[in-house]
Amino acid sequence: MDKLVIWPAYLDKTKSRQDGRKISSKLAVTSPTLSEIEQAAKRLNLNPIVEKDKAYPKEWWEVSGRVLVDKVKPKSLLLKDIAKEIRRTRAEGK
């Protein structure tokens, strides 16, 4: 099965589209962490693989890490599902 790369910037509400956000700001979450993305992907059964030592190409000087997930549907839909799962987790944690 193919894997998709999920960079935290894709889901980050504080980033502009130009800075790498891939989903609408209404759906995005503020400063998602690698572990939040990993946990959300686990709950969605996407078999996440975390690569902590990778730097997002648009911000090559900043090592943010990335998460590889199974490609079970289009990337845009996966990103929305992961962001939704992170929001749900944060709401439960409060």
Protein backbone atom coordinates (compact mmCIF):
# COMPACT_ATOMS: atom_id res chain seq x y z
CA MET A 1 0.00 0.00 0.00
CA ASP A 2 1.22 3.49 -0.81
CA LYS A 3 2.03 6.00 1.91
CA LEU A 4 1.25 9.73 2.04
CA VAL A 5 3.45 12.29 3.77
CA ILE A 6 1.71 14.47 6.35
CA TRP A 7 3.70 17.51 7.45
CA PRO A 8 2.40 19.43 10.51
CA ALA A 9 2.26 22.57 8.32
CA TYR A 10 -0.51 20.95 6.23
CA LEU A 11 -2.87 21.08 9.23
CA ASP A 12 -1.62 24.24 10.98
CA LYS A 13 -4.18 27.00 11.33
CA THR A 14 -1.42 29.55 12.01
CA LYS A 15 0.08 28.97 8.53
CA SER A 16 -1.20 30.54 5.34
CA ARG A 17 -1.90 28.49 2.23
CA GLN A 18 1.29 29.97 0.84
CA ASP A 19 3.22 28.65 3.86
CA GLY A 20 1.95 25.13 3.25
CA ARG A 21 -1.48 24.73 4.85
CA LYS A 22 -3.51 22.33 2.71
CA ILE A 23 -6.95 22.49 4.33
CA SER A 24 -9.25 25.41 5.07
CA SER A 25 -8.48 27.42 8.20
CA LYS A 26 -11.93 26.48 9.58
CA LEU A 27 -10.90 22.82 9.57
CA ALA A 28 -7.24 23.33 10.51
CA VAL A 29 -5.88 23.09 14.08
CA THR A 30 -3.48 25.42 15.88
CA SER A 31 0.12 24.14 15.93
CA PRO A 32 -0.47 20.39 15.59
CA THR A 33 2.33 18.24 17.05
CA LEU A 34 3.80 15.10 15.53
CA SER A 35 2.42 13.00 18.37
CA GLU A 36 -1.08 14.44 17.88
CA ILE A 37 -0.93 13.61 14.17
CA GLU A 38 0.39 10.13 14.98
CA GLN A 39 -2.35 9.45 17.56
CA ALA A 40 -5.07 10.69 15.20
CA ALA A 41 -3.71 8.51 12.39
CA LYS A 42 -3.61 5.49 14.73
CA ARG A 43 -7.25 6.02 15.69
CA LEU A 44 -8.10 6.20 11.96
CA ASN A 45 -6.17 2.94 11.36
CA LEU A 46 -3.69 4.57 8.97
CA ASN A 47 -0.57 2.79 10.33
CA PRO A 48 1.46 5.97 10.94
CA ILE A 49 5.25 6.03 10.71
CA VAL A 50 6.86 9.04 12.41
CA GLU A 51 10.06 10.53 10.99
CA LYS A 52 11.18 13.12 13.57
CA ASP A 53 14.40 14.14 11.78
CA LYS A 54 12.78 15.53 8.62
CA ALA A 55 12.44 19.22 7.75
CA TYR A 56 9.52 20.58 5.73
CA PRO A 57 11.00 21.71 2.37
CA LYS A 58 9.47 25.21 2.61
CA GLU A 59 11.12 25.62 6.02
CA TRP A 60 14.24 23.51 5.50
CA TRP A 61 16.04 25.18 8.42
CA GLU A 62 13.41 23.99 10.93
CA VAL A 63 13.20 20.26 11.66
CA SER A 64 9.50 19.67 12.27
CA GLY A 65 9.27 15.98 11.42
CA ARG A 66 6.59 14.27 9.36
CA VAL A 67 4.19 11.34 9.56
CA LEU A 68 3.70 8.75 6.83
CA VAL A 69 0.21 7.25 6.64
CA ASP A 70 -1.52 4.66 4.45
CA LYS A 71 -3.16 6.11 1.37
CA VAL A 72 -6.71 4.87 1.75
CA LYS A 73 -8.41 7.90 0.17
CA PRO A 74 -7.41 11.25 -1.40
CA LYS A 75 -4.90 13.29 0.60
CA SER A 76 -7.26 16.24 1.11
CA LEU A 77 -9.86 13.97 2.74
CA LEU A 78 -7.25 12.27 4.93
CA LEU A 79 -5.96 15.65 6.11
CA LYS A 80 -9.50 16.72 7.06
CA ASP A 81 -10.08 13.46 8.94
CA ILE A 82 -6.80 13.80 10.85
CA ALA A 83 -7.52 17.44 11.76
CA LYS A 84 -11.03 16.48 12.92
CA GLU A 85 -9.57 13.69 15.08
CA ILE A 86 -7.01 16.09 16.64
CA ARG A 87 -9.79 18.58 17.43
CA ARG A 88 -11.84 15.81 19.04
CA THR A 89 -8.87 14.69 21.15
CA ARG A 90 -8.13 18.24 22.29
CA ALA A 91 -11.78 18.77 23.23
CA GLU A 92 -11.78 15.56 25.31
CA GLY A 93 -8.53 16.58 27.01
CA LYS A 94 -9.96 19.85 28.33
